[in-house]
Amino acid sequence: MDKRADLVLCWHMHQPDYRDHASGEFTQPWVYLHAIKDYADMAAHLERHAGVRAVVNLVPVLLEQLEDYADQFATGRIRDPLLALLAREEATPLTPEERQLVFTQCFRANHEKMVQPYPAYKGLHDLYLALGEHGRVPSDYLSDRYCYDLVTWYHLAWIGETVKRSSALVARLMSSGTAFARADRQALFELVAELVTGTIPRYARLAATGRIELSSTPERHPLAPLLIDFRAARESRPELELPTGAAYPGGVERVRAHLDAALVTHARRFGAPPAGVWPAEGAISAPLLALLAERRCRWTASSESVLANTLRASGRPMPERAQYAYRPWRAPGSELACFFRDDRLSDLIGFEYAKWDGVEAAAHFVGELEAIAARAGADATSVVSVILDGENCWEYYPYNGFYFLDALYGKLATHPVIRTTTFAAAASSAANGDELPRIVAGSWVHGDLTTWIGSPEKNRAWELLVAAKADFDRVAGSGRLGADALAAAERQLADCESSDWFWWMGDYNPAFAVATFDQLYRANLARLYRLLGLAIPDALAEPISRGTGHPELGGAMRRAS
């Protein structure tokens, strides 16, 4: 057998729950905006290149929100205020709150790639800036007509590149530029509805035909090792300051609940449970691997930094990177296959190639894979895992990454040495592979857990959640709540356990993003207390973190992985 490299491309699709479950209203539009741009484009590239295989990881809380939007379109009861403005009738003037939403939201995009290329959209932004530079408050001077044009352009900019190239409607609206009629906005609204509603069926079809493997993540994207035991963070960072108390109350049971819910809902949506689970943030620990093995998951994955930390801590001689990074391992005491992503190659796509010519970036990436294959032992196959968000980086690429992905998939589809595959297919080779020593807990960010714990703000967020969980346990144990009320409270608790809230706490993050997620987190905790029939603690009235980091280019809240 010749030397070969098997490449697993795993695209992780996730957005936290942006709904206010009391009102049913969406507080942020990122789910449907990513659906019309990134989820649409990523599916289209896979559909076009039949010879490419990949893994698409769909988090249940994202799928649930996509289904919620599909229901809104079906019933005509739109509960996302920005989306409602797109098709709003013009007879009644916009309210001050609606105008403020337009001005706050509709420039939140990468200006270099999504605003400046369109003269009409750029002109709307220039006018807004000019008023501010002259000491004017734009909302006092700009008309409803301006607002409707801005809302239209914001949605046009967020439409995926593959859709822009195939939709006569989008081409016509972009060419007309300004003074969009309500009929124009309604037609665009209907295109948005088609794209969002078709997202889940589109990926289901790709999976049914064997083009992709669909995997899942514990339901609400919890940082599982920390839910189980805060001290997991000290396995890689022994000096780390932790929240008060050693553990989140009942954390093992909560992780089980998130995991079991994911397996059940995935089977309901796609006909069978997932073969593998990508844990939230690629964060693993020995107890989590045991839970996955108990449920007969065939594979999981994390970062090669976690693997390196694990091997160093074992006391064994450290092998060459090529000897440990490019093959599956077995979890301790089980048949669970563990893959570890090539951090450098994943980050090249996530952060660096956006600055390159797309075709040259694709050629460079393939060249890196060829070099990995050439360094393998005789008759050896390297398994290269490239795992990253499938939605956040493309805003920073020209044309939403169209030329890079098209060139990359085109090269991979016919390459004589590199074969694209899936984790499920590659997992079979783990059966005779080496067993991991006791895993050192960590994630896909720096190989540790410090992105979610250890700073005063992050620890404070955990302490508020610990207190809320203790109150939940007390009320649940009292029998005071009926079955439906208890189920609603438990669902709200699950939302509070998402890793996303802890990610954004910290003064190194942009202030606006921190404020948004800080407010959402405290609102989620407050609603949990209301569902429990308890007074909301005064501590939830005060921000946990304010953020002082520099604003990012563009407005979509980009994460660091």
Protein backbone atom coordinates (compact mmCIF):
# COMPACT_ATOMS: atom_id res chain seq x y z
CA MET A 1 0.00 0.00 0.00
CA ASP A 2 1.34 3.43 -0.89
CA LYS A 3 1.63 6.22 1.60
CA ARG A 4 -1.63 8.07 1.89
CA ALA A 5 -3.35 10.70 3.98
CA ASP A 6 -6.96 10.29 5.01
CA LEU A 7 -8.43 13.72 5.71
CA VAL A 8 -11.42 14.23 7.98
CA LEU A 9 -12.89 17.71 7.55
CA CYS A 10 -15.26 18.34 10.45
CA TRP A 11 -17.37 21.51 10.28
CA HIS A 12 -18.91 22.41 13.64
CA MET A 13 -22.20 24.34 13.43
CA HIS A 14 -23.40 25.95 16.64
CA GLN A 15 -25.27 28.96 17.99
CA PRO A 16 -26.44 29.28 21.61
CA ASP A 17 -30.12 29.69 22.45
CA TYR A 18 -31.00 33.31 21.68
CA ARG A 19 -34.66 33.00 22.66
CA ASP A 20 -36.45 34.64 25.52
CA HIS A 21 -38.61 31.65 26.38
CA ALA A 22 -41.06 33.82 28.32
CA SER A 23 -42.03 35.78 25.20
CA GLY A 24 -40.78 33.38 22.53
CA GLU A 25 -38.91 36.28 20.92
CA PHE A 26 -35.40 35.96 19.55
CA THR A 27 -33.00 38.43 21.16
CA GLN A 28 -30.29 38.02 18.49
CA PRO A 29 -30.62 37.12 14.77
CA TRP A 30 -27.44 35.05 14.36
CA VAL A 31 -29.16 31.69 13.81
CA TYR A 32 -31.07 32.70 10.70
CA LEU A 33 -28.30 34.98 9.42
CA HIS A 34 -25.79 32.13 9.53
CA ALA A 35 -28.38 29.86 7.93
CA ILE A 36 -28.79 32.07 4.86
CA LYS A 37 -25.05 32.60 4.52
CA ASP A 38 -22.83 29.90 5.96
CA TYR A 39 -25.09 26.87 6.32
CA ALA A 40 -26.37 27.47 2.80
CA ASP A 41 -22.92 27.91 1.30
CA MET A 42 -21.33 24.97 3.13
CA ALA A 43 -24.09 22.65 1.92
CA ALA A 44 -23.83 23.97 -1.63
CA HIS A 45 -20.09 23.31 -1.85
CA LEU A 46 -20.58 19.74 -0.63
CA GLU A 47 -23.43 19.21 -3.09
CA ARG A 48 -21.31 20.48 -5.95
CA HIS A 49 -18.27 18.29 -5.19
CA ALA A 50 -19.64 14.77 -5.10
CA GLY A 51 -16.23 13.20 -4.50
CA VAL A 52 -15.67 14.94 -1.16
CA ARG A 53 -16.67 13.46 2.19
CA ALA A 54 -16.90 15.45 5.42
CA VAL A 55 -18.37 15.47 8.90
CA VAL A 56 -20.90 18.14 9.80
CA ASN A 57 -21.52 18.56 13.51
CA LEU A 58 -24.97 20.00 14.25
CA VAL A 59 -25.61 21.02 17.85
CA PRO A 60 -29.16 20.25 19.02
CA VAL A 61 -29.80 23.75 20.37
CA LEU A 62 -29.02 25.14 16.90
CA LEU A 63 -31.32 22.64 15.21
CA GLU A 64 -34.10 23.46 17.65
CA GLN A 65 -33.83 27.15 16.80
CA LEU A 66 -33.82 26.44 13.06
CA GLU A 67 -37.01 24.44 13.57
CA ASP A 68 -38.43 27.35 15.55
CA TYR A 69 -37.77 29.69 12.62
CA ALA A 70 -39.35 27.19 10.23
CA ASP A 71 -42.45 27.23 12.41
CA GLN A 72 -42.49 31.04 12.35
CA PHE A 73 -42.40 31.06 8.56
CA ALA A 74 -45.11 28.39 8.37
CA THR A 75 -47.47 30.19 10.76
CA GLY A 76 -46.65 33.76 9.76
CA ARG A 77 -46.03 34.68 13.41
CA ILE A 78 -42.53 36.13 13.25
CA ARG A 79 -40.86 36.38 16.65
CA ASP A 80 -37.50 37.74 15.54
CA PRO A 81 -37.77 41.56 15.51
CA LEU A 82 -35.13 42.11 12.83
CA LEU A 83 -36.63 39.51 10.53
CA ALA A 84 -40.08 41.03 11.08
CA LEU A 85 -38.78 44.40 9.88
CA LEU A 86 -37.72 42.91 6.56
CA ALA A 87 -41.33 42.31 5.52
CA ARG A 88 -42.99 45.03 7.62
CA GLU A 89 -45.70 47.12 5.98
CA GLU A 90 -44.87 50.81 5.65
CA ALA A 91 -48.19 52.46 6.49
CA THR A 92 -47.35 52.76 10.18
CA PRO A 93 -44.15 54.67 11.07
CA LEU A 94 -41.36 52.72 12.66
CA THR A 95 -41.29 52.97 16.43
CA PRO A 96 -38.22 54.41 18.21
CA GLU A 97 -37.37 50.87 19.37
CA GLU A 98 -37.54 49.53 15.82
CA ARG A 99 -35.36 52.32 14.51
CA GLN A 100 -32.84 51.73 17.27
CA LEU A 101 -32.72 48.04 16.38
CA VAL A 102 -31.98 48.94 12.75
CA PHE A 103 -29.13 51.28 13.65
CA THR A 104 -27.68 48.90 16.25
CA GLN A 105 -27.82 45.72 14.18
CA CYS A 106 -27.60 46.51 10.50
CA PHE A 107 -23.95 47.50 10.33
CA ARG A 108 -22.86 44.44 12.32
CA ALA A 109 -20.94 42.68 9.60
CA ASN A 110 -17.38 42.61 8.35
CA HIS A 111 -17.19 46.02 6.69
CA GLU A 112 -14.28 45.22 4.41
CA LYS A 113 -15.89 42.07 2.98
CA MET A 114 -19.64 42.67 3.43
CA VAL A 115 -20.28 46.44 3.34
CA GLN A 116 -17.62 48.23 1.30
CA PRO A 117 -17.94 46.02 -1.83
CA TYR A 118 -21.52 47.29 -2.32
CA PRO A 119 -21.62 51.04 -3.14
CA ALA A 120 -25.24 51.50 -2.11
CA TYR A 121 -24.73 49.77 1.25
CA LYS A 122 -21.49 51.67 1.81
CA GLY A 123 -23.34 54.88 1.00
CA LEU A 124 -25.87 54.18 3.73
CA HIS A 125 -23.04 53.67 6.18
CA ASP A 126 -21.18 56.80 5.04
CA LEU A 127 -24.31 58.87 5.56
CA TYR A 128 -24.76 57.45 9.05
CA LEU A 129 -21.14 58.27 9.93
CA ALA A 130 -21.32 61.74 8.43
CA LEU A 131 -24.24 62.71 10.64
CA GLY A 132 -22.36 61.53 13.71
CA GLU A 133 -19.24 63.42 12.72
CA HIS A 134 -21.29 66.62 12.57
CA GLY A 135 -22.72 66.09 16.02
CA ARG A 136 -26.08 64.85 14.78
CA VAL A 137 -27.95 61.85 16.19
CA PRO A 138 -28.65 59.74 13.07
CA SER A 139 -31.95 58.42 14.39
CA ASP A 140 -33.24 62.01 14.52
CA TYR A 141 -32.42 62.76 10.89
CA LEU A 142 -32.69 59.53 8.93
CA SER A 143 -36.09 58.56 7.52
CA ASP A 144 -38.00 55.30 7.63
CA ARG A 145 -37.11 54.93 3.94
CA TYR A 146 -33.44 54.91 4.94
CA CYS A 147 -34.16 52.28 7.61
CA TYR A 148 -35.97 49.99 5.20
CA ASP A 149 -33.16 50.24 2.66
CA LEU A 150 -30.63 49.50 5.39
CA VAL A 151 -32.53 46.44 6.59
CA THR A 152 -32.73 45.20 3.00
CA TRP A 153 -29.04 45.67 2.35
CA TYR A 154 -28.10 43.99 5.61
CA HIS A 155 -29.95 40.86 4.56
CA LEU A 156 -28.59 41.02 1.02
CA ALA A 157 -25.04 41.21 2.40
CA TRP A 158 -25.67 38.17 4.59
CA ILE A 159 -27.00 36.03 1.74
CA GLY A 160 -24.52 33.26 0.93
CA GLU A 161 -22.25 33.62 -2.06
CA THR A 162 -23.58 30.48 -3.74
CA VAL A 163 -27.09 31.92 -3.48
CA LYS A 164 -25.98 35.31 -4.80
CA ARG A 165 -24.56 33.56 -7.86
CA SER A 166 -27.77 31.64 -8.59
CA SER A 167 -30.61 33.94 -7.50
CA ALA A 168 -32.06 36.33 -10.05
CA LEU A 169 -33.89 38.10 -7.21
CA VAL A 170 -30.70 38.88 -5.31
CA ALA A 171 -28.99 40.07 -8.48
CA ARG A 172 -31.92 42.37 -9.29
CA LEU A 173 -32.11 43.86 -5.81
CA MET A 174 -28.38 44.44 -5.63
CA SER A 175 -28.46 46.13 -9.01
CA SER A 176 -31.34 48.43 -8.07
CA GLY A 177 -29.44 49.54 -4.98
CA THR A 178 -31.91 51.84 -3.19
CA ALA A 179 -35.58 52.71 -2.70
CA PHE A 180 -36.64 49.11 -2.29
CA ALA A 181 -40.39 48.60 -2.49
CA ARG A 182 -42.19 46.52 0.06
CA ALA A 183 -42.69 43.87 -2.62
CA ASP A 184 -38.89 43.69 -2.96
CA ARG A 185 -38.47 43.19 0.76
CA GLN A 186 -41.26 40.61 0.83
CA ALA A 187 -39.59 38.63 -1.97
CA LEU A 188 -36.29 38.72 -0.08
CA PHE A 189 -38.10 37.63 3.07
CA GLU A 190 -39.50 34.63 1.19
CA LEU A 191 -36.01 33.71 -0.02
CA VAL A 192 -34.77 33.88 3.56
CA ALA A 193 -37.65 31.62 4.60
CA GLU A 194 -36.77 29.11 1.87
CA LEU A 195 -33.11 29.00 2.87
CA VAL A 196 -33.71 28.72 6.61
CA THR A 197 -36.52 26.18 6.35
CA GLY A 198 -34.46 24.06 3.96
CA THR A 199 -31.32 23.92 6.09
CA ILE A 200 -32.00 20.75 8.08
CA PRO A 201 -33.53 18.78 5.17
CA ARG A 202 -30.58 19.78 2.99
CA TYR A 203 -27.99 18.32 5.38
CA ALA A 204 -30.21 15.29 5.99
CA ARG A 205 -30.16 14.56 2.23
CA LEU A 206 -26.37 14.86 2.11
CA ALA A 207 -26.12 12.38 4.99
CA ALA A 208 -28.67 9.99 3.51
CA THR A 209 -26.65 9.74 0.29
CA GLY A 210 -23.40 9.07 2.18
CA ARG A 211 -21.83 12.39 1.24
CA ILE A 212 -21.43 13.52 4.84
CA GLU A 213 -21.54 12.11 8.34
CA LEU A 214 -23.71 14.01 10.79
CA SER A 215 -22.49 14.13 14.38
CA SER A 216 -23.82 15.83 17.49
CA THR A 217 -22.87 17.63 20.70
CA PRO A 218 -24.49 17.40 24.15
CA GLU A 219 -27.77 19.25 23.86
CA ARG A 220 -27.15 22.81 25.07
CA HIS A 221 -23.39 22.81 24.37
CA PRO A 222 -22.25 22.50 28.02
CA LEU A 223 -18.57 22.60 28.98
CA ALA A 224 -18.83 19.03 30.23
CA PRO A 225 -15.49 18.56 32.07
CA LEU A 226 -16.23 21.63 34.21
CA LEU A 227 -19.83 20.65 34.89
CA ILE A 228 -18.48 17.35 36.19
CA ASP A 229 -15.61 18.81 38.24
CA PHE A 230 -14.07 22.29 38.29
CA ARG A 231 -10.76 20.70 39.23
CA ALA A 232 -10.50 19.31 35.70
CA ALA A 233 -9.12 22.75 34.78
CA ARG A 234 -6.11 22.17 37.05
CA GLU A 235 -5.05 19.04 35.20
CA SER A 236 -3.37 21.27 32.61
CA ARG A 237 -3.07 24.44 34.74
CA PRO A 238 -2.39 23.41 38.36
CA GLU A 239 -2.11 27.00 39.59
CA LEU A 240 -5.49 28.10 38.27
CA GLU A 241 -7.87 29.95 40.60
CA LEU A 242 -11.23 28.15 40.70
CA PRO A 243 -14.74 29.15 41.76
CA THR A 244 -15.79 28.56 45.34
CA GLY A 245 -16.52 24.86 45.81
CA ALA A 246 -15.02 21.88 44.04
CA ALA A 247 -17.84 21.04 41.70
CA TYR A 248 -21.10 22.00 40.12
CA PRO A 249 -23.90 20.23 42.04
CA GLY A 250 -24.99 17.07 40.28
CA GLY A 251 -22.78 17.82 37.31
CA VAL A 252 -22.39 14.24 36.16
CA GLU A 253 -26.16 13.84 35.97
CA ARG A 254 -26.50 17.10 34.09
CA VAL A 255 -23.92 16.03 31.48
CA ARG A 256 -25.75 12.72 31.12
CA ALA A 257 -29.00 14.61 30.55
CA HIS A 258 -27.45 16.85 27.85
CA LEU A 259 -25.80 13.87 26.16
CA ASP A 260 -28.84 11.60 26.24
CA ALA A 261 -31.09 14.37 24.92
CA ALA A 262 -28.70 14.93 22.02
CA LEU A 263 -28.66 11.25 21.07
CA VAL A 264 -32.46 11.01 21.22
CA THR A 265 -33.22 14.19 19.25
CA HIS A 266 -30.56 13.40 16.63
CA ALA A 267 -32.20 10.02 16.06
CA ARG A 268 -35.61 11.68 15.80
CA ARG A 269 -34.40 14.19 13.22
CA PHE A 270 -32.11 11.99 11.14
CA GLY A 271 -33.33 8.43 11.66
CA ALA A 272 -30.52 7.06 13.84
CA PRO A 273 -28.31 8.22 16.72
CA PRO A 274 -25.00 9.79 15.71
CA ALA A 275 -21.99 7.52 15.48
CA GLY A 276 -19.88 10.15 17.18
CA VAL A 277 -20.02 13.15 19.44
CA TRP A 278 -17.96 16.32 19.21
CA PRO A 279 -18.02 17.59 22.81
CA ALA A 280 -18.65 21.30 23.26
CA GLU A 281 -15.41 23.21 22.61
CA GLY A 282 -13.65 19.88 22.02
CA ALA A 283 -13.35 19.71 25.81
CA ILE A 284 -12.76 16.23 27.16
CA SER A 285 -11.85 14.62 30.47
CA ALA A 286 -11.63 11.06 31.76
CA PRO A 287 -15.18 11.08 33.22
CA LEU A 288 -16.63 12.46 29.99
CA LEU A 289 -14.94 9.79 27.89
CA ALA A 290 -16.40 7.18 30.21
CA LEU A 291 -19.90 8.61 29.72
CA LEU A 292 -19.46 8.52 25.94
CA ALA A 293 -18.21 4.94 26.05
CA GLU A 294 -21.17 3.91 28.23
CA ARG A 295 -23.48 5.12 25.47
CA ARG A 296 -21.56 3.14 22.86
CA CYS A 297 -20.47 6.21 20.92
CA ARG A 298 -17.99 5.10 18.31
CA TRP A 299 -15.84 8.22 18.30
CA THR A 300 -15.13 11.58 19.84
CA ALA A 301 -12.48 14.24 19.19
CA SER A 302 -10.47 17.03 20.75
CA SER A 303 -7.28 19.00 20.16
CA GLU A 304 -3.80 17.63 19.52
CA SER A 305 -2.66 19.89 22.40
CA VAL A 306 -4.80 17.77 24.73
CA LEU A 307 -3.19 14.64 23.33
CA ALA A 308 0.30 16.11 23.75
CA ASN A 309 -0.45 17.09 27.37
CA THR A 310 -1.76 13.57 28.01
CA LEU A 311 1.29 11.86 26.55
CA ARG A 312 3.72 14.12 28.39
CA ALA A 313 1.95 13.49 31.70
CA SER A 314 2.13 9.72 31.21
CA GLY A 315 5.87 9.62 31.85
CA ARG A 316 6.49 7.76 28.60
CA PRO A 317 9.08 9.00 26.10
CA MET A 318 7.40 11.63 23.93
CA PRO A 319 7.13 10.32 20.35
CA GLU A 320 7.54 12.41 17.25
CA ARG A 321 4.44 14.41 16.37
CA ALA A 322 3.87 12.45 13.17
CA GLN A 323 3.75 9.27 15.24
CA TYR A 324 0.96 10.40 17.58
CA ALA A 325 -1.05 13.19 15.93
CA TYR A 326 -2.20 11.46 12.75
CA ARG A 327 -4.02 8.38 13.97
CA PRO A 328 -6.96 7.52 16.16
CA TRP A 329 -6.46 6.36 19.74
CA ARG A 330 -8.70 4.39 22.06
CA ALA A 331 -10.16 5.90 25.21
CA PRO A 332 -8.92 4.24 28.41
CA GLY A 333 -10.67 0.92 29.01
CA SER A 334 -13.02 1.13 26.02
CA GLU A 335 -13.37 0.89 22.26
CA LEU A 336 -14.24 4.59 21.91
CA ALA A 337 -12.06 6.03 19.14
CA CYS A 338 -10.49 9.41 19.96
CA PHE A 339 -9.30 11.73 17.21
CA PHE A 340 -7.20 14.84 17.76
CA ARG A 341 -7.34 17.73 15.36
CA ASP A 342 -4.32 19.22 13.66
CA ASP A 343 -4.46 22.60 15.37
CA ARG A 344 -2.18 24.34 12.87
CA LEU A 345 -4.06 23.22 9.77
CA SER A 346 -7.42 23.95 11.40
CA ASP A 347 -6.30 27.44 12.37
CA LEU A 348 -4.91 28.12 8.90
CA ILE A 349 -8.46 27.79 7.60
CA GLY A 350 -10.00 29.54 10.60
CA PHE A 351 -7.73 32.57 10.70
CA GLU A 352 -4.97 32.80 8.10
CA TYR A 353 -6.24 31.77 4.69
CA ALA A 354 -8.82 34.57 4.71
CA LYS A 355 -5.87 36.88 3.94
CA TRP A 356 -4.71 34.78 0.97
CA ASP A 357 -5.88 34.34 -2.57
CA GLY A 358 -8.39 31.50 -2.32
CA VAL A 359 -6.87 29.25 -4.98
CA GLU A 360 -3.36 29.73 -3.57
CA ALA A 361 -4.61 28.97 -0.05
CA ALA A 362 -6.21 25.74 -1.24
CA ALA A 363 -3.00 24.70 -3.00
CA HIS A 364 -0.98 25.44 0.13
CA PHE A 365 -3.34 23.38 2.30
CA VAL A 366 -3.17 20.42 -0.06
CA GLY A 367 0.62 20.75 -0.13
CA GLU A 368 0.68 20.51 3.67
CA LEU A 369 -1.38 17.30 3.48
CA GLU A 370 0.94 15.87 0.84
CA ALA A 371 3.91 16.54 3.13
CA ILE A 372 2.16 14.74 6.00
CA ALA A 373 1.51 11.75 3.76
CA ALA A 374 5.15 11.71 2.60
CA ARG A 375 6.43 11.64 6.20
CA ALA A 376 4.32 8.61 7.12
CA GLY A 377 6.00 5.25 7.57
CA ALA A 378 6.11 2.70 4.80
CA ASP A 379 2.66 1.46 3.77
CA ALA A 380 1.14 3.81 6.35
CA THR A 381 -1.99 5.93 6.16
CA SER A 382 -2.07 9.16 8.15
CA VAL A 383 -5.44 10.23 9.50
CA VAL A 384 -5.50 14.02 9.56
CA SER A 385 -8.31 15.65 11.53
CA VAL A 386 -9.19 19.24 10.64
CA ILE A 387 -11.96 20.56 12.88
CA LEU A 388 -13.26 24.12 13.16
CA ASP A 389 -16.37 26.25 13.25
CA GLY A 390 -18.17 25.95 9.94
CA GLU A 391 -19.85 29.33 10.24
CA ASN A 392 -17.66 32.02 11.81
CA CYS A 393 -14.56 32.41 9.68
CA TRP A 394 -16.14 32.88 6.25
CA GLU A 395 -17.24 36.45 6.97
CA TYR A 396 -13.52 37.33 6.91
CA TYR A 397 -12.90 35.69 3.52
CA PRO A 398 -13.59 37.41 0.20
CA TYR A 399 -16.90 36.13 -1.19
CA ASN A 400 -17.61 34.12 1.96
CA GLY A 401 -14.76 31.72 1.18
CA PHE A 402 -16.26 30.72 -2.18
CA TYR A 403 -12.99 30.50 -4.13
CA PHE A 404 -11.07 28.80 -1.33
CA LEU A 405 -13.68 26.10 -0.70
CA ASP A 406 -14.38 25.52 -4.38
CA ALA A 407 -10.67 25.11 -5.14
CA LEU A 408 -10.01 23.00 -2.05
CA TYR A 409 -12.87 20.58 -2.66
CA GLY A 410 -11.98 20.39 -6.33
CA LYS A 411 -8.39 19.38 -5.55
CA LEU A 412 -9.39 16.91 -2.84
CA ALA A 413 -12.06 15.18 -4.92
CA THR A 414 -9.54 13.79 -7.40
CA HIS A 415 -6.29 13.74 -5.44
CA PRO A 416 -4.26 10.51 -5.89
CA VAL A 417 -2.81 10.50 -2.35
CA ILE A 418 -5.28 12.39 -0.17
CA ARG A 419 -8.67 10.83 0.48
CA THR A 420 -11.46 12.62 2.30
CA THR A 421 -13.33 10.45 4.75
CA THR A 422 -15.42 10.60 7.92
CA PHE A 423 -14.72 9.86 11.55
CA ALA A 424 -17.14 6.94 11.51
CA ALA A 425 -15.24 5.37 8.61
CA ALA A 426 -11.86 6.05 10.21
CA ALA A 427 -12.92 4.81 13.65
CA SER A 428 -12.65 1.17 12.64
CA SER A 429 -8.86 1.48 12.50
CA ALA A 430 -8.81 2.49 16.16
CA ALA A 431 -9.79 -0.98 17.34
CA ASN A 432 -6.22 -2.22 17.06
CA GLY A 433 -4.66 1.11 17.99
CA ASP A 434 -3.01 2.23 21.19
CA GLU A 435 -5.01 3.00 24.31
CA LEU A 436 -4.61 6.45 25.76
CA PRO A 437 -3.10 6.87 29.19
CA ARG A 438 -5.30 8.75 31.63
CA ILE A 439 -6.43 11.81 29.72
CA VAL A 440 -5.38 15.28 30.82
CA ALA A 441 -8.55 17.39 30.57
CA GLY A 442 -8.51 20.18 28.03
CA SER A 443 -10.18 21.75 25.02
CA TRP A 444 -9.49 22.86 21.46
CA VAL A 445 -8.35 26.28 22.73
CA HIS A 446 -4.73 26.11 23.94
CA GLY A 447 -5.35 22.55 25.11
CA ASP A 448 -6.69 23.77 28.47
CA LEU A 449 -9.94 25.09 29.96
CA THR A 450 -8.94 28.67 30.82
CA THR A 451 -11.24 30.18 28.20
CA TRP A 452 -14.17 29.20 30.45
CA ILE A 453 -12.82 29.31 34.01
CA GLY A 454 -10.06 30.83 36.12
CA SER A 455 -10.52 34.59 35.81
CA PRO A 456 -12.55 36.50 38.42
CA GLU A 457 -15.37 37.18 35.93
CA LYS A 458 -15.61 33.60 34.68
CA ASN A 459 -15.46 32.22 38.22
CA ARG A 460 -18.18 34.63 39.31
CA ALA A 461 -20.39 33.42 36.46
CA TRP A 462 -19.90 29.83 37.62
CA GLU A 463 -20.67 30.74 41.23
CA LEU A 464 -23.97 32.30 40.19
CA LEU A 465 -24.83 29.13 38.27
CA VAL A 466 -23.84 26.93 41.23
CA ALA A 467 -26.18 28.92 43.48
CA ALA A 468 -29.00 28.66 40.95
CA LYS A 469 -28.50 24.91 40.59
CA ALA A 470 -28.62 24.47 44.38
CA ASP A 471 -31.93 26.36 44.42
CA PHE A 472 -33.20 24.26 41.51
CA ASP A 473 -32.35 21.06 43.37
CA ARG A 474 -34.06 22.30 46.52
CA VAL A 475 -37.28 23.25 44.75
CA ALA A 476 -37.28 20.14 42.56
CA GLY A 477 -36.83 17.97 45.62
CA SER A 478 -39.68 19.64 47.47
CA GLY A 479 -42.31 18.36 45.05
CA ARG A 480 -43.80 21.85 44.88
CA LEU A 481 -43.62 22.07 41.08
CA GLY A 482 -45.84 20.05 38.80
CA ALA A 483 -44.35 17.94 36.01
CA ASP A 484 -44.75 20.59 33.29
CA ALA A 485 -43.38 23.38 35.47
CA LEU A 486 -40.42 21.25 36.52
CA ALA A 487 -39.68 20.35 32.90
CA ALA A 488 -39.73 24.04 31.93
CA ALA A 489 -37.35 24.88 34.76
CA GLU A 490 -35.00 22.06 33.79
CA ARG A 491 -34.95 23.25 30.18
CA GLN A 492 -34.10 26.74 31.40
CA LEU A 493 -31.34 25.32 33.59
CA ALA A 494 -29.89 23.57 30.55
CA ASP A 495 -29.73 26.90 28.69
CA CYS A 496 -27.83 28.40 31.63
CA GLU A 497 -25.26 25.59 31.40
CA SER A 498 -24.11 26.49 27.88
CA SER A 499 -20.39 27.05 27.46
CA ASP A 500 -20.99 30.24 25.45
CA TRP A 501 -21.78 32.43 28.46
CA PHE A 502 -18.44 31.67 30.11
CA TRP A 503 -16.48 32.12 26.87
CA TRP A 504 -17.37 35.81 26.61
CA MET A 505 -16.70 36.77 30.22
CA GLY A 506 -13.33 38.53 30.47
CA ASP A 507 -11.76 41.91 29.87
CA TYR A 508 -9.90 40.71 26.76
CA ASN A 509 -13.13 40.42 24.77
CA PRO A 510 -14.85 43.28 22.87
CA ALA A 511 -17.09 45.24 25.22
CA PHE A 512 -20.20 45.00 23.05
CA ALA A 513 -19.99 41.21 22.74
CA VAL A 514 -19.34 40.85 26.46
CA ALA A 515 -22.32 43.06 27.31
CA THR A 516 -24.59 41.08 25.00
CA PHE A 517 -23.71 37.67 26.39
CA ASP A 518 -23.46 38.89 29.98
CA GLN A 519 -27.00 40.24 29.72
CA LEU A 520 -28.31 37.07 28.07
CA TYR A 521 -26.72 34.90 30.74
CA ARG A 522 -28.14 36.90 33.64
CA ALA A 523 -31.55 36.99 31.95
CA ASN A 524 -31.48 33.21 31.62
CA LEU A 525 -30.63 32.82 35.30
CA ALA A 526 -33.36 35.30 36.28
CA ARG A 527 -35.93 33.39 34.29
CA LEU A 528 -34.86 30.16 36.00
CA TYR A 529 -35.59 31.75 39.37
CA ARG A 530 -39.00 32.92 38.13
CA LEU A 531 -39.85 29.41 36.94
CA LEU A 532 -38.83 28.07 40.35
CA GLY A 533 -41.10 30.61 42.05
CA LEU A 534 -38.16 32.21 43.85
CA ALA A 535 -37.04 35.80 44.25
CA ILE A 536 -34.39 36.86 41.73
CA PRO A 537 -31.08 37.48 43.55
CA ASP A 538 -29.90 41.09 43.61
CA ALA A 539 -26.55 39.92 42.20
CA LEU A 540 -28.19 39.30 38.82
CA ALA A 541 -28.92 43.01 38.41
CA GLU A 542 -25.23 43.83 38.06
CA PRO A 543 -23.03 42.97 35.06
CA ILE A 544 -20.53 40.19 35.68
CA SER A 545 -18.04 41.34 33.06
CA ARG A 546 -17.71 44.45 30.92
CA GLY A 547 -14.93 43.68 28.46
CA THR A 548 -12.28 46.12 27.38
CA GLY A 549 -10.82 44.38 24.36
CA HIS A 550 -10.57 46.21 21.04
CA PRO A 551 -13.64 46.00 18.80
CA GLU A 552 -13.28 43.42 16.07
CA LEU A 553 -13.47 44.27 12.41
CA GLY A 554 -17.12 43.86 11.63
CA GLY A 555 -19.91 43.25 14.02
CA ALA A 556 -20.71 39.53 14.05
CA MET A 557 -19.38 38.09 17.28
CA ARG A 558 -16.49 35.97 16.11
CA ARG A 559 -15.03 33.41 18.45
CA ALA A 560 -11.40 32.48 18.71
CA SER A 561 -11.73 28.89 17.51
